[in-house]
Amino acid sequence: MKKLIEKANRRVRRKKHVRKTVEGTPERPRMSVFKSARHIYVQVIDDQSGTTIAFANNLEKDNKGIPSTVEGAAKLGELIGARLLEKKITNVVFDRNGYVYHGKVKAIADGARKSGITI
């Protein structure tokens, strides 16, 4: 149990370090990723006004069939990319939220790039 707590604390320290430099603006909002044991959440945030511009997760009614795997994360990336293109946003800053840029986190970024978003 202690090892899990230490692992979570290390992620929070990395998250704080990354957030010192990554900030979302109206022209280039921040795409933040959170993953739990069962679900994946992606939201695009304008930090200057403190508002969420778009979000996607595999808890939504339409997305219940998307699994919490690398392939599912790629689908969520494409979905959030499509939602951003509807709002005419093409550039974002990627916030990996302290997670290693590997697996699901990388798949989300690649899926968003595939849909036409510049990260």
PDB file of N, CA and C in Angstrom:
ATOM      1  N   MET A   1       0.819  -1.194   0.000  1.00  0.00           N
ATOM      2  CA  MET A   1       0.000   0.000   0.000  1.00  0.00           C
ATOM      3  C   MET A   1       0.862   1.256   0.000  1.00  0.00           C
ATOM      4  N   LYS A   2       1.950   1.207   0.766  1.00  0.00           N
ATOM      5  CA  LYS A   2       2.829   2.359   0.842  1.00  0.00           C
ATOM      6  C   LYS A   2       3.437   2.684  -0.524  1.00  0.00           C
ATOM      7  N   LYS A   3       3.743   1.642  -1.299  1.00  0.00           N
ATOM      8  CA  LYS A   3       4.331   1.843  -2.621  1.00  0.00           C
ATOM      9  C   LYS A   3       3.351   2.567  -3.549  1.00  0.00           C
ATOM     10  N   LEU A   4       2.055   2.244  -3.466  1.00  0.00           N
ATOM     11  CA  LEU A   4       1.052   2.915  -4.289  1.00  0.00           C
ATOM     12  C   LEU A   4       0.924   4.389  -3.926  1.00  0.00           C
ATOM     13  N   ILE A   5       0.988   4.691  -2.639  1.00  0.00           N
ATOM     14  CA  ILE A   5       0.894   6.080  -2.194  1.00  0.00           C
ATOM     15  C   ILE A   5       2.104   6.863  -2.680  1.00  0.00           C
ATOM     16  N   GLU A   6       3.297   6.266  -2.588  1.00  0.00           N
ATOM     17  CA  GLU A   6       4.498   6.936  -3.065  1.00  0.00           C
ATOM     18  C   GLU A   6       4.428   7.179  -4.573  1.00  0.00           C
ATOM     19  N   LYS A   7       3.894   6.218  -5.305  1.00  0.00           N
ATOM     20  CA  LYS A   7       3.765   6.358  -6.750  1.00  0.00           C
ATOM     21  C   LYS A   7       2.832   7.521  -7.097  1.00  0.00           C
ATOM     22  N   ALA A   8       1.719   7.618  -6.379  1.00  0.00           N
ATOM     23  CA  ALA A   8       0.776   8.718  -6.613  1.00  0.00           C
ATOM     24  C   ALA A   8       1.408  10.059  -6.258  1.00  0.00           C
ATOM     25  N   ASN A   9       2.173  10.093  -5.182  1.00  0.00           N
ATOM     26  CA  ASN A   9       2.828  11.338  -4.793  1.00  0.00           C
ATOM     27  C   ASN A   9       3.858  11.782  -5.820  1.00  0.00           C
ATOM     28  N   ARG A  10       4.574  10.836  -6.415  1.00  0.00           N
ATOM     29  CA  ARG A  10       5.542  11.179  -7.453  1.00  0.00           C
ATOM     30  C   ARG A  10       4.832  11.770  -8.674  1.00  0.00           C
ATOM     31  N   ARG A  11       3.668  11.210  -9.031  1.00  0.00           N
ATOM     32  CA  ARG A  11       2.914  11.741 -10.165  1.00  0.00           C
ATOM     33  C   ARG A  11       2.455  13.168  -9.888  1.00  0.00           C
ATOM     34  N   VAL A  12       2.018  13.436  -8.665  1.00  0.00           N
ATOM     35  CA  VAL A  12       1.562  14.785  -8.318  1.00  0.00           C
ATOM     36  C   VAL A  12       2.729  15.773  -8.392  1.00  0.00           C
ATOM     37  N   ARG A  13       3.911  15.359  -7.968  1.00  0.00           N
ATOM     38  CA  ARG A  13       5.090  16.235  -8.061  1.00  0.00           C
ATOM     39  C   ARG A  13       5.423  16.532  -9.516  1.00  0.00           C
ATOM     40  N   ARG A  14       5.356  15.516 -10.386  1.00  0.00           N
ATOM     41  CA  ARG A  14       5.608  15.740 -11.812  1.00  0.00           C
ATOM     42  C   ARG A  14       4.544  16.661 -12.390  1.00  0.00           C
ATOM     43  N   LYS A  15       3.298  16.470 -11.962  1.00  0.00           N
ATOM     44  CA  LYS A  15       2.188  17.297 -12.452  1.00  0.00           C
ATOM     45  C   LYS A  15       2.432  18.771 -12.124  1.00  0.00           C
ATOM     46  N   LYS A  16       2.834  19.054 -10.893  1.00  0.00           N
ATOM     47  CA  LYS A  16       3.089  20.434 -10.495  1.00  0.00           C
ATOM     48  C   LYS A  16       4.240  21.034 -11.288  1.00  0.00           C
ATOM     49  N   HIS A  17       5.258  20.241 -11.559  1.00  0.00           N
ATOM     50  CA  HIS A  17       6.405  20.717 -12.315  1.00  0.00           C
ATOM     51  C   HIS A  17       6.001  21.070 -13.754  1.00  0.00           C
ATOM     52  N   VAL A  18       5.184  20.240 -14.369  1.00  0.00           N
ATOM     53  CA  VAL A  18       4.736  20.490 -15.738  1.00  0.00           C
ATOM     54  C   VAL A  18       3.813  21.702 -15.780  1.00  0.00           C
ATOM     55  N   ARG A  19       2.942  21.847 -14.799  1.00  0.00           N
ATOM     56  CA  ARG A  19       1.961  22.939 -14.808  1.00  0.00           C
ATOM     57  C   ARG A  19       2.592  24.307 -14.592  1.00  0.00           C
ATOM     58  N   LYS A  20       3.857  24.344 -14.138  1.00  0.00           N
ATOM     59  CA  LYS A  20       4.538  25.623 -14.017  1.00  0.00           C
ATOM     60  C   LYS A  20       4.754  26.265 -15.381  1.00  0.00           C
ATOM     61  N   THR A  21       4.922  25.425 -16.404  1.00  0.00           N
ATOM     62  CA  THR A  21       5.231  25.956 -17.729  1.00  0.00           C
ATOM     63  C   THR A  21       4.078  25.866 -18.709  1.00  0.00           C
ATOM     64  N   VAL A  22       3.155  24.938 -18.516  1.00  0.00           N
ATOM     65  CA  VAL A  22       2.058  24.718 -19.462  1.00  0.00           C
ATOM     66  C   VAL A  22       0.848  25.528 -19.021  1.00  0.00           C
ATOM     67  N   GLU A  23       0.382  26.422 -19.905  1.00  0.00           N
ATOM     68  CA  GLU A  23      -0.799  27.223 -19.602  1.00  0.00           C
ATOM     69  C   GLU A  23      -1.656  27.336 -20.852  1.00  0.00           C
ATOM     70  N   GLY A  24      -2.958  27.224 -20.677  1.00  0.00           N
ATOM     71  CA  GLY A  24      -3.875  27.332 -21.800  1.00  0.00           C
ATOM     72  C   GLY A  24      -4.349  28.754 -21.999  1.00  0.00           C
ATOM     73  N   THR A  25      -4.388  29.169 -23.245  1.00  0.00           N
ATOM     74  CA  THR A  25      -4.887  30.495 -23.605  1.00  0.00           C
ATOM     75  C   THR A  25      -6.100  30.312 -24.509  1.00  0.00           C
ATOM     76  N   PRO A  26      -6.856  31.358 -24.770  1.00  0.00           N
ATOM     77  CA  PRO A  26      -7.996  31.202 -25.690  1.00  0.00           C
ATOM     78  C   PRO A  26      -7.568  30.761 -27.093  1.00  0.00           C
ATOM     79  N   GLU A  27      -6.385  31.204 -27.544  1.00  0.00           N
ATOM     80  CA  GLU A  27      -5.910  30.818 -28.872  1.00  0.00           C
ATOM     81  C   GLU A  27      -5.359  29.393 -28.879  1.00  0.00           C
ATOM     82  N   ARG A  28      -4.735  28.991 -27.770  1.00  0.00           N
ATOM     83  CA  ARG A  28      -4.116  27.670 -27.668  1.00  0.00           C
ATOM     84  C   ARG A  28      -4.414  27.075 -26.295  1.00  0.00           C
ATOM     85  N   PRO A  29      -5.588  26.456 -26.128  1.00  0.00           N
ATOM     86  CA  PRO A  29      -5.981  25.928 -24.824  1.00  0.00           C
ATOM     87  C   PRO A  29      -5.182  24.684 -24.440  1.00  0.00           C
ATOM     88  N   ARG A  30      -5.312  24.290 -23.185  1.00  0.00           N
ATOM     89  CA  ARG A  30      -4.580  23.161 -22.630  1.00  0.00           C
ATOM     90  C   ARG A  30      -5.444  21.907 -22.684  1.00  0.00           C
ATOM     91  N   MET A  31      -4.904  20.826 -23.281  1.00  0.00           N
ATOM     92  CA  MET A  31      -5.600  19.540 -23.317  1.00  0.00           C
ATOM     93  C   MET A  31      -5.051  18.684 -22.181  1.00  0.00           C
ATOM     94  N   SER A  32      -5.880  18.451 -21.175  1.00  0.00           N
ATOM     95  CA  SER A  32      -5.469  17.730 -19.980  1.00  0.00           C
ATOM     96  C   SER A  32      -6.026  16.315 -19.995  1.00  0.00           C
ATOM     97  N   VAL A  33      -5.202  15.354 -19.571  1.00  0.00           N
ATOM     98  CA  VAL A  33      -5.569  13.943 -19.569  1.00  0.00           C
ATOM     99  C   VAL A  33      -5.578  13.443 -18.127  1.00  0.00           C
ATOM    100  N   PHE A  34      -6.613  12.706 -17.764  1.00  0.00           N
ATOM    101  CA  PHE A  34      -6.651  12.012 -16.481  1.00  0.00           C
ATOM    102  C   PHE A  34      -7.098  10.589 -16.739  1.00  0.00           C
ATOM    103  N   LYS A  35      -6.427   9.653 -16.122  1.00  0.00           N
ATOM    104  CA  LYS A  35      -6.821   8.257 -16.277  1.00  0.00           C
ATOM    105  C   LYS A  35      -6.916   7.620 -14.909  1.00  0.00           C
ATOM    106  N   SER A  36      -8.008   6.912 -14.705  1.00  0.00           N
ATOM    107  CA  SER A  36      -8.179   6.145 -13.482  1.00  0.00           C
ATOM    108  C   SER A  36      -8.030   4.675 -13.848  1.00  0.00           C
ATOM    109  N   ALA A  37      -8.314   3.811 -12.915  1.00  0.00           N
ATOM    110  CA  ALA A  37      -8.183   2.382 -13.181  1.00  0.00           C
ATOM    111  C   ALA A  37      -9.215   1.913 -14.201  1.00  0.00           C
ATOM    112  N   ARG A  38     -10.369   2.579 -14.276  1.00  0.00           N
ATOM    113  CA  ARG A  38     -11.448   2.133 -15.165  1.00  0.00           C
ATOM    114  C   ARG A  38     -11.753   3.062 -16.324  1.00  0.00           C
ATOM    115  N   HIS A  39     -11.435   4.341 -16.193  1.00  0.00           N
ATOM    116  CA  HIS A  39     -11.891   5.303 -17.183  1.00  0.00           C
ATOM    117  C   HIS A  39     -10.772   6.264 -17.589  1.00  0.00           C
ATOM    118  N   ILE A  40     -10.986   6.915 -18.724  1.00  0.00           N
ATOM    119  CA  ILE A  40     -10.065   7.920 -19.251  1.00  0.00           C
ATOM    120  C   ILE A  40     -10.860   9.197 -19.488  1.00  0.00           C
ATOM    121  N   TYR A  41     -10.297  10.321 -19.067  1.00  0.00           N
ATOM    122  CA  TYR A  41     -10.956  11.609 -19.206  1.00  0.00           C
ATOM    123  C   TYR A  41     -10.009  12.572 -19.926  1.00  0.00           C
ATOM    124  N   VAL A  42     -10.539  13.323 -20.882  1.00  0.00           N
ATOM    125  CA  VAL A  42      -9.773  14.343 -21.594  1.00  0.00           C
ATOM    126  C   VAL A  42     -10.605  15.614 -21.587  1.00  0.00           C
ATOM    127  N   GLN A  43      -9.977  16.725 -21.216  1.00  0.00           N
ATOM    128  CA  GLN A  43     -10.687  17.997 -21.306  1.00  0.00           C
ATOM    129  C   GLN A  43      -9.749  19.069 -21.820  1.00  0.00           C
ATOM    130  N   VAL A  44     -10.329  20.035 -22.514  1.00  0.00           N
ATOM    131  CA  VAL A  44      -9.579  21.142 -23.083  1.00  0.00           C
ATOM    132  C   VAL A  44      -9.988  22.390 -22.320  1.00  0.00           C
ATOM    133  N   ILE A  45      -8.987  23.079 -21.741  1.00  0.00           N
ATOM    134  CA  ILE A  45      -9.243  24.136 -20.769  1.00  0.00           C
ATOM    135  C   ILE A  45      -8.588  25.437 -21.209  1.00  0.00           C
ATOM    136  N   ASP A  46      -9.320  26.535 -21.061  1.00  0.00           N
ATOM    137  CA  ASP A  46      -8.764  27.875 -21.205  1.00  0.00           C
ATOM    138  C   ASP A  46      -8.452  28.357 -19.790  1.00  0.00           C
ATOM    139  N   ASP A  47      -7.175  28.396 -19.428  1.00  0.00           N
ATOM    140  CA  ASP A  47      -6.785  28.730 -18.059  1.00  0.00           C
ATOM    141  C   ASP A  47      -6.985  30.199 -17.727  1.00  0.00           C
ATOM    142  N   GLN A  48      -6.951  31.061 -18.709  1.00  0.00           N
ATOM    143  CA  GLN A  48      -7.110  32.486 -18.419  1.00  0.00           C
ATOM    144  C   GLN A  48      -8.520  32.813 -17.941  1.00  0.00           C
ATOM    145  N   SER A  49      -9.522  32.188 -18.546  1.00  0.00           N
ATOM    146  CA  SER A  49     -10.896  32.431 -18.097  1.00  0.00           C
ATOM    147  C   SER A  49     -11.377  31.337 -17.147  1.00  0.00           C
ATOM    148  N   GLY A  50     -10.638  30.232 -17.053  1.00  0.00           N
ATOM    149  CA  GLY A  50     -11.009  29.151 -16.133  1.00  0.00           C
ATOM    150  C   GLY A  50     -12.184  28.334 -16.623  1.00  0.00           C
ATOM    151  N   THR A  51     -12.324  28.184 -17.933  1.00  0.00           N
ATOM    152  CA  THR A  51     -13.463  27.445 -18.473  1.00  0.00           C
ATOM    153  C   THR A  51     -12.999  26.217 -19.241  1.00  0.00           C
ATOM    154  N   THR A  52     -13.851  25.211 -19.237  1.00  0.00           N
ATOM    155  CA  THR A  52     -13.619  24.014 -20.032  1.00  0.00           C
ATOM    156  C   THR A  52     -14.278  24.212 -21.386  1.00  0.00           C
ATOM    157  N   ILE A  53     -13.503  24.070 -22.454  1.00  0.00           N
ATOM    158  CA  ILE A  53     -14.005  24.300 -23.799  1.00  0.00           C
ATOM    159  C   ILE A  53     -14.664  23.046 -24.357  1.00  0.00           C
ATOM    160  N   ALA A  54     -14.014  21.896 -24.166  1.00  0.00           N
ATOM    161  CA  ALA A  54     -14.545  20.620 -24.657  1.00  0.00           C
ATOM    162  C   ALA A  54     -14.039  19.506 -23.752  1.00  0.00           C
ATOM    163  N   PHE A  55     -14.759  18.390 -23.748  1.00  0.00           N
ATOM    164  CA  PHE A  55     -14.333  17.247 -22.951  1.00  0.00           C
ATOM    165  C   PHE A  55     -14.790  15.972 -23.625  1.00  0.00           C
ATOM    166  N   ALA A  56     -14.157  14.895 -23.253  1.00  0.00           N
ATOM    167  CA  ALA A  56     -14.547  13.564 -23.731  1.00  0.00           C
ATOM    168  C   ALA A  56     -14.079  12.553 -22.698  1.00  0.00           C
ATOM    169  N   ASN A  57     -14.893  11.543 -22.477  1.00  0.00           N
ATOM    170  CA  ASN A  57     -14.505  10.447 -21.604  1.00  0.00           C
ATOM    171  C   ASN A  57     -15.286   9.214 -21.996  1.00  0.00           C
ATOM    172  N   ASN A  58     -14.914   8.083 -21.438  1.00  0.00           N
ATOM    173  CA  ASN A  58     -15.632   6.861 -21.791  1.00  0.00           C
ATOM    174  C   ASN A  58     -16.726   6.542 -20.786  1.00  0.00           C
ATOM    175  N   LEU A  59     -17.239   7.558 -20.122  1.00  0.00           N
ATOM    176  CA  LEU A  59     -18.411   7.425 -19.252  1.00  0.00           C
ATOM    177  C   LEU A  59     -19.667   8.000 -19.896  1.00  0.00           C
ATOM    178  N   GLU A  60     -19.493   8.804 -20.933  1.00  0.00           N
ATOM    179  CA  GLU A  60     -20.639   9.420 -21.597  1.00  0.00           C
ATOM    180  C   GLU A  60     -21.523   8.353 -22.216  1.00  0.00           C
ATOM    181  N   LYS A  61     -22.784   8.680 -22.380  1.00  0.00           N
ATOM    182  CA  LYS A  61     -23.756   7.720 -22.910  1.00  0.00           C
ATOM    183  C   LYS A  61     -23.350   7.187 -24.278  1.00  0.00           C
ATOM    184  N   ASP A  62     -22.867   8.079 -25.155  1.00  0.00           N
ATOM    185  CA  ASP A  62     -22.481   7.651 -26.504  1.00  0.00           C
ATOM    186  C   ASP A  62     -21.168   6.882 -26.528  1.00  0.00           C
ATOM    187  N   ASN A  63     -20.340   7.057 -25.501  1.00  0.00           N
ATOM    188  CA  ASN A  63     -19.002   6.464 -25.494  1.00  0.00           C
ATOM    189  C   ASN A  63     -18.858   5.280 -24.548  1.00  0.00           C
ATOM    190  N   LYS A  64     -19.954   4.717 -24.088  1.00  0.00           N
ATOM    191  CA  LYS A  64     -19.891   3.601 -23.136  1.00  0.00           C
ATOM    192  C   LYS A  64     -19.136   2.407 -23.697  1.00  0.00           C
ATOM    193  N   GLY A  65     -19.170   2.211 -25.009  1.00  0.00           N
ATOM    194  CA  GLY A  65     -18.530   1.057 -25.618  1.00  0.00           C
ATOM    195  C   GLY A  65     -17.028   1.212 -25.797  1.00  0.00           C
ATOM    196  N   ILE A  66     -16.476   2.393 -25.533  1.00  0.00           N
ATOM    197  CA  ILE A  66     -15.038   2.595 -25.698  1.00  0.00           C
ATOM    198  C   ILE A  66     -14.324   2.024 -24.481  1.00  0.00           C
ATOM    199  N   PRO A  67     -13.449   1.042 -24.676  1.00  0.00           N
ATOM    200  CA  PRO A  67     -12.764   0.447 -23.533  1.00  0.00           C
ATOM    201  C   PRO A  67     -11.646   1.353 -23.015  1.00  0.00           C
ATOM    202  N   SER A  68     -11.176   1.074 -21.826  1.00  0.00           N
ATOM    203  CA  SER A  68     -10.094   1.847 -21.229  1.00  0.00           C
ATOM    204  C   SER A  68      -8.752   1.212 -21.590  1.00  0.00           C
ATOM    205  N   THR A  69      -8.503   1.101 -22.891  1.00  0.00           N
ATOM    206  CA  THR A  69      -7.274   0.512 -23.410  1.00  0.00           C
ATOM    207  C   THR A  69      -6.578   1.537 -24.296  1.00  0.00           C
ATOM    208  N   VAL A  70      -5.451   1.154 -24.857  1.00  0.00           N
ATOM    209  CA  VAL A  70      -4.727   2.061 -25.750  1.00  0.00           C
ATOM    210  C   VAL A  70      -5.571   2.369 -26.983  1.00  0.00           C
ATOM    211  N   GLU A  71      -6.247   1.355 -27.523  1.00  0.00           N
ATOM    212  CA  GLU A  71      -7.105   1.586 -28.690  1.00  0.00           C
ATOM    213  C   GLU A  71      -8.275   2.508 -28.341  1.00  0.00           C
ATOM    214  N   GLY A  72      -8.852   2.314 -27.159  1.00  0.00           N
ATOM    215  CA  GLY A  72      -9.935   3.181 -26.704  1.00  0.00           C
ATOM    216  C   GLY A  72      -9.462   4.606 -26.491  1.00  0.00           C
ATOM    217  N   ALA A  73      -8.241   4.761 -25.980  1.00  0.00           N
ATOM    218  CA  ALA A  73      -7.685   6.098 -25.782  1.00  0.00           C
ATOM    219  C   ALA A  73      -7.488   6.801 -27.126  1.00  0.00           C
ATOM    220  N   ALA A  74      -7.080   6.051 -28.147  1.00  0.00           N
ATOM    221  CA  ALA A  74      -6.921   6.649 -29.476  1.00  0.00           C
ATOM    222  C   ALA A  74      -8.271   7.131 -30.007  1.00  0.00           C
ATOM    223  N   LYS A  75      -9.331   6.353 -29.767  1.00  0.00           N
ATOM    224  CA  LYS A  75     -10.672   6.779 -30.197  1.00  0.00           C
ATOM    225  C   LYS A  75     -11.104   8.040 -29.461  1.00  0.00           C
ATOM    226  N   LEU A  76     -10.798   8.123 -28.153  1.00  0.00           N
ATOM    227  CA  LEU A  76     -11.136   9.331 -27.392  1.00  0.00           C
ATOM    228  C   LEU A  76     -10.358  10.533 -27.922  1.00  0.00           C
ATOM    229  N   GLY A  77      -9.103  10.326 -28.312  1.00  0.00           N
ATOM    230  CA  GLY A  77      -8.315  11.403 -28.893  1.00  0.00           C
ATOM    231  C   GLY A  77      -8.931  11.919 -30.179  1.00  0.00           C
ATOM    232  N   GLU A  78      -9.390  10.997 -31.024  1.00  0.00           N
ATOM    233  CA  GLU A  78     -10.047  11.403 -32.268  1.00  0.00           C
ATOM    234  C   GLU A  78     -11.355  12.131 -31.969  1.00  0.00           C
ATOM    235  N   LEU A  79     -12.082  11.673 -30.970  1.00  0.00           N
ATOM    236  CA  LEU A  79     -13.352  12.296 -30.599  1.00  0.00           C
ATOM    237  C   LEU A  79     -13.146  13.727 -30.094  1.00  0.00           C
ATOM    238  N   ILE A  80     -12.157  13.912 -29.209  1.00  0.00           N
ATOM    239  CA  ILE A  80     -11.912  15.268 -28.698  1.00  0.00           C
ATOM    240  C   ILE A  80     -11.394  16.168 -29.819  1.00  0.00           C
ATOM    241  N   GLY A  81     -10.631  15.595 -30.748  1.00  0.00           N
ATOM    242  CA  GLY A  81     -10.176  16.370 -31.903  1.00  0.00           C
ATOM    243  C   GLY A  81     -11.331  16.839 -32.760  1.00  0.00           C
ATOM    244  N   ALA A  82     -12.303  15.957 -32.976  1.00  0.00           N
ATOM    245  CA  ALA A  82     -13.474  16.336 -33.770  1.00  0.00           C
ATOM    246  C   ALA A  82     -14.286  17.419 -33.066  1.00  0.00           C
ATOM    247  N   ARG A  83     -14.419  17.315 -31.757  1.00  0.00           N
ATOM    248  CA  ARG A  83     -15.175  18.330 -31.002  1.00  0.00           C
ATOM    249  C   ARG A  83     -14.468  19.678 -31.032  1.00  0.00           C
ATOM    250  N   LEU A  84     -13.126  19.657 -31.015  1.00  0.00           N
ATOM    251  CA  LEU A  84     -12.389  20.920 -31.097  1.00  0.00           C
ATOM    252  C   LEU A  84     -12.497  21.540 -32.478  1.00  0.00           C
ATOM    253  N   LEU A  85     -12.470  20.719 -33.511  1.00  0.00           N
ATOM    254  CA  LEU A  85     -12.599  21.249 -34.862  1.00  0.00           C
ATOM    255  C   LEU A  85     -13.972  21.872 -35.087  1.00  0.00           C
ATOM    256  N   GLU A  86     -15.009  21.327 -34.435  1.00  0.00           N
ATOM    257  CA  GLU A  86     -16.341  21.939 -34.513  1.00  0.00           C
ATOM    258  C   GLU A  86     -16.325  23.346 -33.932  1.00  0.00           C
ATOM    259  N   LYS A  87     -15.484  23.560 -32.899  1.00  0.00           N
ATOM    260  CA  LYS A  87     -15.387  24.870 -32.259  1.00  0.00           C
ATOM    261  C   LYS A  87     -14.284  25.729 -32.878  1.00  0.00           C
ATOM    262  N   LYS A  88     -13.719  25.251 -34.000  1.00  0.00           N
ATOM    263  CA  LYS A  88     -12.708  25.966 -34.774  1.00  0.00           C
ATOM    264  C   LYS A  88     -11.428  26.204 -33.975  1.00  0.00           C
ATOM    265  N   ILE A  89     -11.030  25.209 -33.192  1.00  0.00           N
ATOM    266  CA  ILE A  89      -9.769  25.244 -32.470  1.00  0.00           C
ATOM    267  C   ILE A  89      -8.867  24.191 -33.094  1.00  0.00           C
ATOM    268  N   THR A  90      -7.683  24.613 -33.550  1.00  0.00           N
ATOM    269  CA  THR A  90      -6.779  23.669 -34.214  1.00  0.00           C
ATOM    270  C   THR A  90      -5.469  23.471 -33.460  1.00  0.00           C
ATOM    271  N   ASN A  91      -5.119  24.367 -32.536  1.00  0.00           N
ATOM    272  CA  ASN A  91      -3.871  24.257 -31.787  1.00  0.00           C
ATOM    273  C   ASN A  91      -4.168  24.101 -30.306  1.00  0.00           C
ATOM    274  N   VAL A  92      -3.502  23.146 -29.659  1.00  0.00           N
ATOM    275  CA  VAL A  92      -3.629  22.973 -28.221  1.00  0.00           C
ATOM    276  C   VAL A  92      -2.255  22.704 -27.618  1.00  0.00           C
ATOM    277  N   VAL A  93      -2.157  22.912 -26.312  1.00  0.00           N
ATOM    278  CA  VAL A  93      -0.975  22.542 -25.540  1.00  0.00           C
ATOM    279  C   VAL A  93      -1.335  21.257 -24.810  1.00  0.00           C
ATOM    280  N   PHE A  94      -0.497  20.247 -24.896  1.00  0.00           N
ATOM    281  CA  PHE A  94      -0.806  18.951 -24.304  1.00  0.00           C
ATOM    282  C   PHE A  94      -0.274  18.893 -22.879  1.00  0.00           C
ATOM    283  N   ASP A  95      -1.156  18.606 -21.935  1.00  0.00           N
ATOM    284  CA  ASP A  95      -0.811  18.454 -20.522  1.00  0.00           C
ATOM    285  C   ASP A  95      -0.994  16.989 -20.164  1.00  0.00           C
ATOM    286  N   ARG A  96       0.108  16.285 -19.995  1.00  0.00           N
ATOM    287  CA  ARG A  96       0.030  14.855 -19.693  1.00  0.00           C
ATOM    288  C   ARG A  96      -0.299  14.596 -18.237  1.00  0.00           C
ATOM    289  N   ASN A  97      -0.395  15.655 -17.432  1.00  0.00           N
ATOM    290  CA  ASN A  97      -0.886  15.574 -16.058  1.00  0.00           C
ATOM    291  C   ASN A  97       0.001  14.717 -15.165  1.00  0.00           C
ATOM    292  N   GLY A  98       1.295  14.696 -15.421  1.00  0.00           N
ATOM    293  CA  GLY A  98       2.214  13.938 -14.596  1.00  0.00           C
ATOM    294  C   GLY A  98       2.392  12.492 -15.013  1.00  0.00           C
ATOM    295  N   TYR A  99       1.624  12.030 -15.967  1.00  0.00           N
ATOM    296  CA  TYR A  99       1.766  10.654 -16.446  1.00  0.00           C
ATOM    297  C   TYR A  99       2.914  10.581 -17.451  1.00  0.00           C
ATOM    298  N   VAL A 100       3.495   9.408 -17.571  1.00  0.00           N
ATOM    299  CA  VAL A 100       4.541   9.196 -18.554  1.00  0.00           C
ATOM    300  C   VAL A 100       3.910   9.235 -19.944  1.00  0.00           C
ATOM    301  N   TYR A 101       4.586   9.890 -20.890  1.00  0.00           N
ATOM    302  CA  TYR A 101       4.070   9.994 -22.261  1.00  0.00           C
ATOM    303  C   TYR A 101       4.285   8.656 -22.952  1.00  0.00           C
ATOM    304  N   HIS A 102       3.371   7.730 -22.673  1.00  0.00           N
ATOM    305  CA  HIS A 102       3.512   6.361 -23.152  1.00  0.00           C
ATOM    306  C   HIS A 102       2.146   5.702 -23.067  1.00  0.00           C
ATOM    307  N   GLY A 103       1.863   4.779 -23.921  1.00  0.00           N
ATOM    308  CA  GLY A 103       0.616   4.018 -23.833  1.00  0.00           C
ATOM    309  C   GLY A 103      -0.621   4.842 -24.100  1.00  0.00           C
ATOM    310  N   LYS A 104      -1.523   4.884 -23.125  1.00  0.00           N
ATOM    311  CA  LYS A 104      -2.810   5.566 -23.300  1.00  0.00           C
ATOM    312  C   LYS A 104      -2.650   7.064 -23.519  1.00  0.00           C
ATOM    313  N   VAL A 105      -1.721   7.681 -22.789  1.00  0.00           N
ATOM    314  CA  VAL A 105      -1.523   9.128 -22.908  1.00  0.00           C
ATOM    315  C   VAL A 105      -1.029   9.473 -24.311  1.00  0.00           C
ATOM    316  N   LYS A 106      -0.085   8.702 -24.814  1.00  0.00           N
ATOM    317  CA  LYS A 106       0.426   8.928 -26.162  1.00  0.00           C
ATOM    318  C   LYS A 106      -0.656   8.651 -27.202  1.00  0.00           C
ATOM    319  N   ALA A 107      -1.487   7.635 -26.970  1.00  0.00           N
ATOM    320  CA  ALA A 107      -2.553   7.299 -27.915  1.00  0.00           C
ATOM    321  C   ALA A 107      -3.570   8.428 -28.022  1.00  0.00           C
ATOM    322  N   ILE A 108      -3.866   9.099 -26.911  1.00  0.00           N
ATOM    323  CA  ILE A 108      -4.791  10.238 -26.944  1.00  0.00           C
ATOM    324  C   ILE A 108      -4.207  11.354 -27.807  1.00  0.00           C
ATOM    325  N   ALA A 109      -2.933  11.662 -27.600  1.00  0.00           N
ATOM    326  CA  ALA A 109      -2.294  12.722 -28.381  1.00  0.00           C
ATOM    327  C   ALA A 109      -2.249  12.350 -29.866  1.00  0.00           C
ATOM    328  N   ASP A 110      -1.917  11.105 -30.164  1.00  0.00           N
ATOM    329  CA  ASP A 110      -1.858  10.672 -31.566  1.00  0.00           C
ATOM    330  C   ASP A 110      -3.233  10.688 -32.216  1.00  0.00           C
ATOM    331  N   GLY A 111      -4.272  10.302 -31.469  1.00  0.00           N
ATOM    332  CA  GLY A 111      -5.633  10.346 -31.997  1.00  0.00           C
ATOM    333  C   GLY A 111      -6.078  11.766 -32.298  1.00  0.00           C
ATOM    334  N   ALA A 112      -5.707  12.709 -31.429  1.00  0.00           N
ATOM    335  CA  ALA A 112      -6.061  14.107 -31.674  1.00  0.00           C
ATOM    336  C   ALA A 112      -5.315  14.639 -32.893  1.00  0.00           C
ATOM    337  N   ARG A 113      -4.052  14.254 -33.041  1.00  0.00           N
ATOM    338  CA  ARG A 113      -3.290  14.673 -34.223  1.00  0.00           C
ATOM    339  C   ARG A 113      -3.893  14.095 -35.493  1.00  0.00           C
ATOM    340  N   LYS A 114      -4.360  12.857 -35.406  1.00  0.00           N
ATOM    341  CA  LYS A 114      -4.967  12.185 -36.557  1.00  0.00           C
ATOM    342  C   LYS A 114      -6.212  12.923 -37.035  1.00  0.00           C
ATOM    343  N   SER A 115      -6.942  13.524 -36.103  1.00  0.00           N
ATOM    344  CA  SER A 115      -8.155  14.238 -36.481  1.00  0.00           C
ATOM    345  C   SER A 115      -7.874  15.659 -36.965  1.00  0.00           C
ATOM    346  N   GLY A 116      -6.612  16.111 -36.881  1.00  0.00           N
ATOM    347  CA  GLY A 116      -6.269  17.415 -37.429  1.00  0.00           C
ATOM    348  C   GLY A 116      -5.883  18.459 -36.424  1.00  0.00           C
ATOM    349  N   ILE A 117      -5.684  18.109 -35.180  1.00  0.00           N
ATOM    350  CA  ILE A 117      -5.295  19.049 -34.136  1.00  0.00           C
ATOM    351  C   ILE A 117      -3.767  19.113 -34.071  1.00  0.00           C
ATOM    352  N   THR A 118      -3.226  20.321 -33.942  1.00  0.00           N
ATOM    353  CA  THR A 118      -1.779  20.494 -33.786  1.00  0.00           C
ATOM    354  C   THR A 118      -1.454  20.576 -32.309  1.00  0.00           C
ATOM    355  N   ILE A 119      -0.578  19.671 -31.877  1.00  0.00           N
ATOM    356  CA  ILE A 119      -0.169  19.653 -30.463  1.00  0.00           C
ATOM    357  C   ILE A 119       1.286  20.072 -30.393  1.00  0.00           C
TER     358      ILE A 119
END
